[in-house]
Amino acid sequence: MDKEKILVVDDEASIRQIVETRLKLAGYEVITAADGVEALEKAAAHNPDLIVLDIMMPKIDGFEVCRELRKNMMTPIIMLTAKGDITDRIAALELGADDYVVKPFSPRELEARIKAVLRRTHTDVTKQAIIKVDKLVIDTGKRQVLKDAKKVKLTEMEFNLLELLATNPGRAYSRSEILHQVWGYRLSQYSDTRVVDVHISRLRSKLEDDPSSPELILTARGTGYMFASYTPQPVEATPTTQQ
């Protein structure tokens, strides 16, 4: 079995070396980059399974790298953000990052976040399903979503979140439960639940006809979020897709 490939991007050589050593010991193949330009080049050349991306870098910062990557790649991205800088974290998530780790961090913490994100990207073949709700088709086996017969680009974590909610329609999940189920956080672990809110907002912008008045991904007042209850609809064996 091929090793999962991680691209680590940080302008501090000491951080790159520590993270690279830790991840290699954990069994990953590791590629490193020291700036934003090199990050984009190596992402294109190596097609990594996950990217660890610092925000503050020379040439091109992490925000712009994330924006460029999301034009063509849905690869999971974990951003490294400065301690206490909430605005950077939210901006990173809004650009399509899947999660973040706050500097200074322990290599063990980062490894745990990577493991959790990658674990959720592997399809569970025992739970494959095709869900059709109005103009939306969710294929959990192919990990793709169609709206009006056109493919919707979702990041890995956006799809994981949608899959959790859509395969359990009418069930309300708290933000903490979602962080546990989708991101792999322990229920007792303190974390910023805005990660969930930003991903919900991104999903609504891609799937809802009117994101300001959602009909699919609903807010469960006092709880968190839920997918609207629906009556299963028949689905063609091979839906027509358009890019």
Protein backbone atom coordinates (compact mmCIF):
# COMPACT_ATOMS: atom_id res chain seq x y z
CA MET A 1 0.00 0.00 0.00
CA ASP A 2 1.38 3.40 -0.97
CA LYS A 3 2.20 5.82 1.81
CA GLU A 4 -0.07 8.83 2.18
CA LYS A 5 1.70 11.94 0.96
CA ILE A 6 1.85 15.16 3.01
CA LEU A 7 3.07 18.52 1.71
CA VAL A 8 4.41 20.70 4.57
CA VAL A 9 4.75 24.39 3.75
CA ASP A 10 6.49 26.77 6.19
CA ASP A 11 9.23 29.36 5.77
CA GLU A 12 10.88 28.32 9.07
CA ALA A 13 13.36 25.52 8.38
CA SER A 14 13.24 24.30 11.99
CA ILE A 15 9.46 23.78 11.81
CA ARG A 16 9.70 22.00 8.47
CA GLN A 17 12.38 19.67 9.83
CA ILE A 18 10.53 18.85 13.07
CA VAL A 19 7.22 18.21 11.29
CA GLU A 20 8.86 16.23 8.49
CA THR A 21 10.69 13.99 10.98
CA ARG A 22 7.56 13.37 13.05
CA LEU A 23 5.37 12.56 10.05
CA LYS A 24 7.95 10.26 8.46
CA LEU A 25 8.18 8.32 11.73
CA ALA A 26 4.38 8.06 11.62
CA GLY A 27 4.61 6.41 8.20
CA TYR A 28 3.83 9.29 5.84
CA GLU A 29 5.73 10.37 2.75
CA VAL A 30 6.64 14.04 3.28
CA ILE A 31 7.40 16.80 0.79
CA THR A 32 8.38 20.27 2.01
CA ALA A 33 8.24 23.80 0.62
CA ALA A 34 9.68 27.02 2.03
CA ASP A 35 7.46 29.61 0.35
CA GLY A 36 4.17 30.06 -1.47
CA VAL A 37 5.56 29.74 -4.99
CA GLU A 38 7.33 26.48 -4.16
CA ALA A 39 4.17 25.24 -2.46
CA LEU A 40 2.08 25.66 -5.60
CA GLU A 41 4.75 24.02 -7.75
CA LYS A 42 5.11 20.99 -5.48
CA ALA A 43 1.35 20.61 -4.99
CA ALA A 44 0.94 20.40 -8.76
CA ALA A 45 3.89 18.04 -9.21
CA HIS A 46 3.20 15.61 -6.35
CA ASN A 47 -0.60 15.72 -5.87
CA PRO A 48 -0.39 15.25 -2.07
CA ASP A 49 -3.09 13.64 0.04
CA LEU A 50 -3.01 16.56 2.50
CA ILE A 51 -1.32 19.95 2.76
CA VAL A 52 -0.07 21.65 5.93
CA LEU A 53 0.13 25.33 5.04
CA ASP A 54 1.51 28.25 7.04
CA ILE A 55 -0.12 31.65 6.57
CA MET A 56 2.81 34.02 6.95
CA MET A 57 5.26 33.20 4.16
CA PRO A 58 7.44 35.08 1.65
CA LYS A 59 6.58 35.58 -2.04
CA ILE A 60 2.97 34.39 -1.72
CA ASP A 61 1.22 34.07 1.64
CA GLY A 62 -0.82 31.08 2.74
CA PHE A 63 -4.13 32.78 2.00
CA GLU A 64 -3.25 33.25 -1.66
CA VAL A 65 -1.80 29.74 -1.91
CA CYS A 66 -5.03 28.31 -0.48
CA ARG A 67 -7.10 30.38 -2.91
CA GLU A 68 -5.04 29.15 -5.88
CA LEU A 69 -5.10 25.52 -4.77
CA ARG A 70 -8.87 25.57 -4.39
CA LYS A 71 -9.30 26.51 -8.05
CA ASN A 72 -8.26 23.00 -9.09
CA MET A 73 -7.68 20.84 -6.01
CA MET A 74 -10.02 19.70 -3.24
CA THR A 75 -7.14 18.20 -1.25
CA PRO A 76 -7.51 18.66 2.53
CA ILE A 77 -5.64 21.72 3.82
CA ILE A 78 -4.67 22.33 7.45
CA MET A 79 -3.56 25.92 8.03
CA LEU A 80 -0.98 26.98 10.62
CA THR A 81 -2.19 30.21 12.21
CA ALA A 82 -0.79 32.64 14.77
CA LYS A 83 -1.93 32.31 18.37
CA GLY A 84 -4.90 34.52 19.19
CA ASP A 85 -5.48 35.74 15.63
CA ILE A 86 -9.14 34.77 15.16
CA THR A 87 -9.56 36.77 11.94
CA ASP A 88 -6.82 34.77 10.20
CA ARG A 89 -8.47 31.49 11.18
CA ILE A 90 -11.87 32.51 9.86
CA ALA A 91 -10.36 33.92 6.66
CA ALA A 92 -8.49 30.65 6.07
CA LEU A 93 -11.65 28.59 6.51
CA GLU A 94 -13.64 30.87 4.22
CA LEU A 95 -11.02 30.36 1.51
CA GLY A 96 -11.50 26.60 1.73
CA ALA A 97 -9.10 25.36 4.41
CA ASP A 98 -10.43 22.29 6.21
CA ASP A 99 -8.96 22.90 9.64
CA TYR A 100 -6.26 24.87 11.43
CA VAL A 101 -3.64 24.39 14.12
CA VAL A 102 -2.52 27.35 16.20
CA LYS A 103 1.19 28.19 16.56
CA PRO A 104 3.06 27.33 18.69
CA PHE A 105 1.85 23.75 18.37
CA SER A 106 3.12 20.33 19.36
CA PRO A 107 4.05 17.96 16.52
CA ARG A 108 1.87 15.38 18.25
CA GLU A 109 -1.16 17.69 18.00
CA LEU A 110 -0.55 18.31 14.31
CA GLU A 111 -0.12 14.60 13.64
CA ALA A 112 -3.43 13.92 15.38
CA ARG A 113 -5.21 16.52 13.26
CA ILE A 114 -3.71 15.09 10.07
CA LYS A 115 -4.70 11.55 11.03
CA ALA A 116 -8.27 12.64 11.81
CA VAL A 117 -8.70 14.53 8.53
CA LEU A 118 -7.25 11.72 6.40
CA ARG A 119 -9.33 9.09 8.17
CA ARG A 120 -12.51 10.91 7.14
CA THR A 121 -11.47 11.08 3.48
CA HIS A 122 -11.52 7.31 2.98
CA THR A 123 -14.83 5.99 1.72
CA ASP A 124 -16.56 3.39 3.86
CA VAL A 125 -17.73 0.96 1.18
CA THR A 126 -20.33 -0.50 3.53
CA LYS A 127 -22.15 2.82 3.67
CA GLN A 128 -22.31 3.77 0.00
CA ALA A 129 -25.57 5.42 -0.98
CA ILE A 130 -27.11 7.70 -3.56
CA ILE A 131 -29.38 10.35 -2.08
CA LYS A 132 -31.65 12.46 -4.27
CA VAL A 133 -33.45 15.47 -2.84
CA ASP A 134 -35.15 17.72 -5.38
CA LYS A 135 -32.35 18.95 -7.70
CA LEU A 136 -29.56 17.57 -5.53
CA VAL A 137 -27.90 14.15 -5.92
CA ILE A 138 -25.34 13.00 -3.34
CA ASP A 139 -23.31 9.92 -4.28
CA THR A 140 -21.39 8.78 -1.19
CA GLY A 141 -19.62 6.02 -3.10
CA LYS A 142 -18.16 8.29 -5.77
CA ARG A 143 -17.96 11.14 -3.23
CA GLN A 144 -19.59 13.56 -5.61
CA VAL A 145 -22.55 15.94 -5.55
CA LEU A 146 -24.69 17.06 -8.47
CA LYS A 147 -27.02 20.02 -8.53
CA ASP A 148 -29.20 20.45 -11.60
CA ALA A 149 -27.10 17.62 -13.14
CA LYS A 150 -23.92 19.68 -12.73
CA LYS A 151 -21.05 18.59 -10.52
CA VAL A 152 -20.54 20.72 -7.41
CA LYS A 153 -16.95 21.10 -6.24
CA LEU A 154 -16.68 20.31 -2.54
CA THR A 155 -13.60 19.97 -0.39
CA GLU A 156 -13.10 16.66 1.38
CA MET A 157 -14.34 18.06 4.69
CA GLU A 158 -17.31 19.79 3.09
CA PHE A 159 -18.36 16.47 1.61
CA ASN A 160 -17.82 14.68 4.93
CA LEU A 161 -20.01 17.22 6.69
CA LEU A 162 -22.72 16.99 4.05
CA GLU A 163 -22.60 13.18 4.16
CA LEU A 164 -23.05 13.14 7.93
CA LEU A 165 -26.09 15.41 7.82
CA ALA A 166 -27.72 14.06 4.64
CA THR A 167 -27.49 10.42 5.67
CA ASN A 168 -29.22 11.29 8.95
CA PRO A 169 -32.05 13.61 7.81
CA GLY A 170 -34.06 15.30 10.52
CA ARG A 171 -31.45 14.61 13.19
CA ALA A 172 -30.00 17.70 14.85
CA TYR A 173 -26.27 17.66 15.58
CA SER A 174 -24.57 20.03 17.98
CA ARG A 175 -21.41 21.76 16.80
CA SER A 176 -19.39 19.65 19.24
CA GLU A 177 -20.89 16.44 17.84
CA ILE A 178 -20.07 17.57 14.30
CA LEU A 179 -16.49 18.36 15.30
CA HIS A 180 -16.24 14.88 16.78
CA GLN A 181 -17.88 13.05 13.86
CA VAL A 182 -16.30 14.98 10.98
CA TRP A 183 -13.07 16.50 12.30
CA GLY A 184 -12.21 13.83 14.83
CA TYR A 185 -12.09 16.07 17.89
CA ARG A 186 -12.78 14.42 21.22
CA LEU A 187 -16.12 15.48 22.66
CA SER A 188 -14.36 16.68 25.81
CA GLN A 189 -11.77 18.66 23.86
CA TYR A 190 -12.19 22.42 23.74
CA SER A 191 -12.17 23.75 20.21
CA ASP A 192 -13.42 26.66 18.18
CA THR A 193 -16.85 25.68 16.87
CA ARG A 194 -16.68 28.40 14.23
CA VAL A 195 -14.95 25.81 12.06
CA VAL A 196 -18.36 24.18 11.76
CA ASP A 197 -20.22 27.45 11.15
CA VAL A 198 -17.91 28.46 8.30
CA HIS A 199 -18.19 25.05 6.62
CA ILE A 200 -21.98 25.14 6.92
CA SER A 201 -21.96 28.59 5.33
CA ARG A 202 -19.77 27.34 2.47
CA LEU A 203 -22.02 24.32 1.88
CA ARG A 204 -25.11 26.50 1.78
CA SER A 205 -23.49 28.87 -0.72
CA LYS A 206 -22.83 25.91 -3.04
CA LEU A 207 -26.02 23.88 -2.59
CA GLU A 208 -28.89 26.14 -1.61
CA ASP A 209 -30.89 28.19 -4.12
CA ASP A 210 -31.00 30.98 -1.54
CA PRO A 211 -28.24 30.52 1.07
CA SER A 212 -29.80 33.23 3.26
CA SER A 213 -32.98 31.14 3.49
CA PRO A 214 -31.78 27.52 3.42
CA GLU A 215 -34.17 24.66 2.71
CA LEU A 216 -31.72 21.74 2.91
CA ILE A 217 -29.11 22.47 5.57
CA LEU A 218 -31.09 23.87 8.46
CA THR A 219 -30.19 25.51 11.73
CA ALA A 220 -31.54 23.55 14.68
CA ARG A 221 -32.27 26.35 17.11
CA GLY A 222 -30.48 25.86 20.40
CA THR A 223 -28.67 22.79 19.10
CA GLY A 224 -26.68 23.12 15.91
CA TYR A 225 -27.48 21.92 12.39
CA MET A 226 -29.51 19.29 10.58
CA PHE A 227 -30.45 18.18 7.08
CA ALA A 228 -34.11 18.62 6.20
CA SER A 229 -36.24 15.49 6.34
CA TYR A 230 -36.91 14.13 2.86
CA THR A 231 -38.71 11.34 1.02
CA PRO A 232 -36.22 9.19 -0.96
CA GLN A 233 -36.49 9.73 -4.72
CA PRO A 234 -35.49 7.32 -7.50
CA VAL A 235 -32.10 7.95 -9.07
CA GLU A 236 -30.83 6.99 -12.51
CA ALA A 237 -28.02 4.44 -12.44
CA THR A 238 -25.58 6.86 -14.02
CA PRO A 239 -26.65 10.50 -13.65
CA THR A 240 -25.55 12.86 -16.40
CA THR A 241 -22.77 15.16 -15.19
CA GLN A 242 -21.53 18.43 -16.54
CA GLN A 243 -18.44 20.30 -15.40
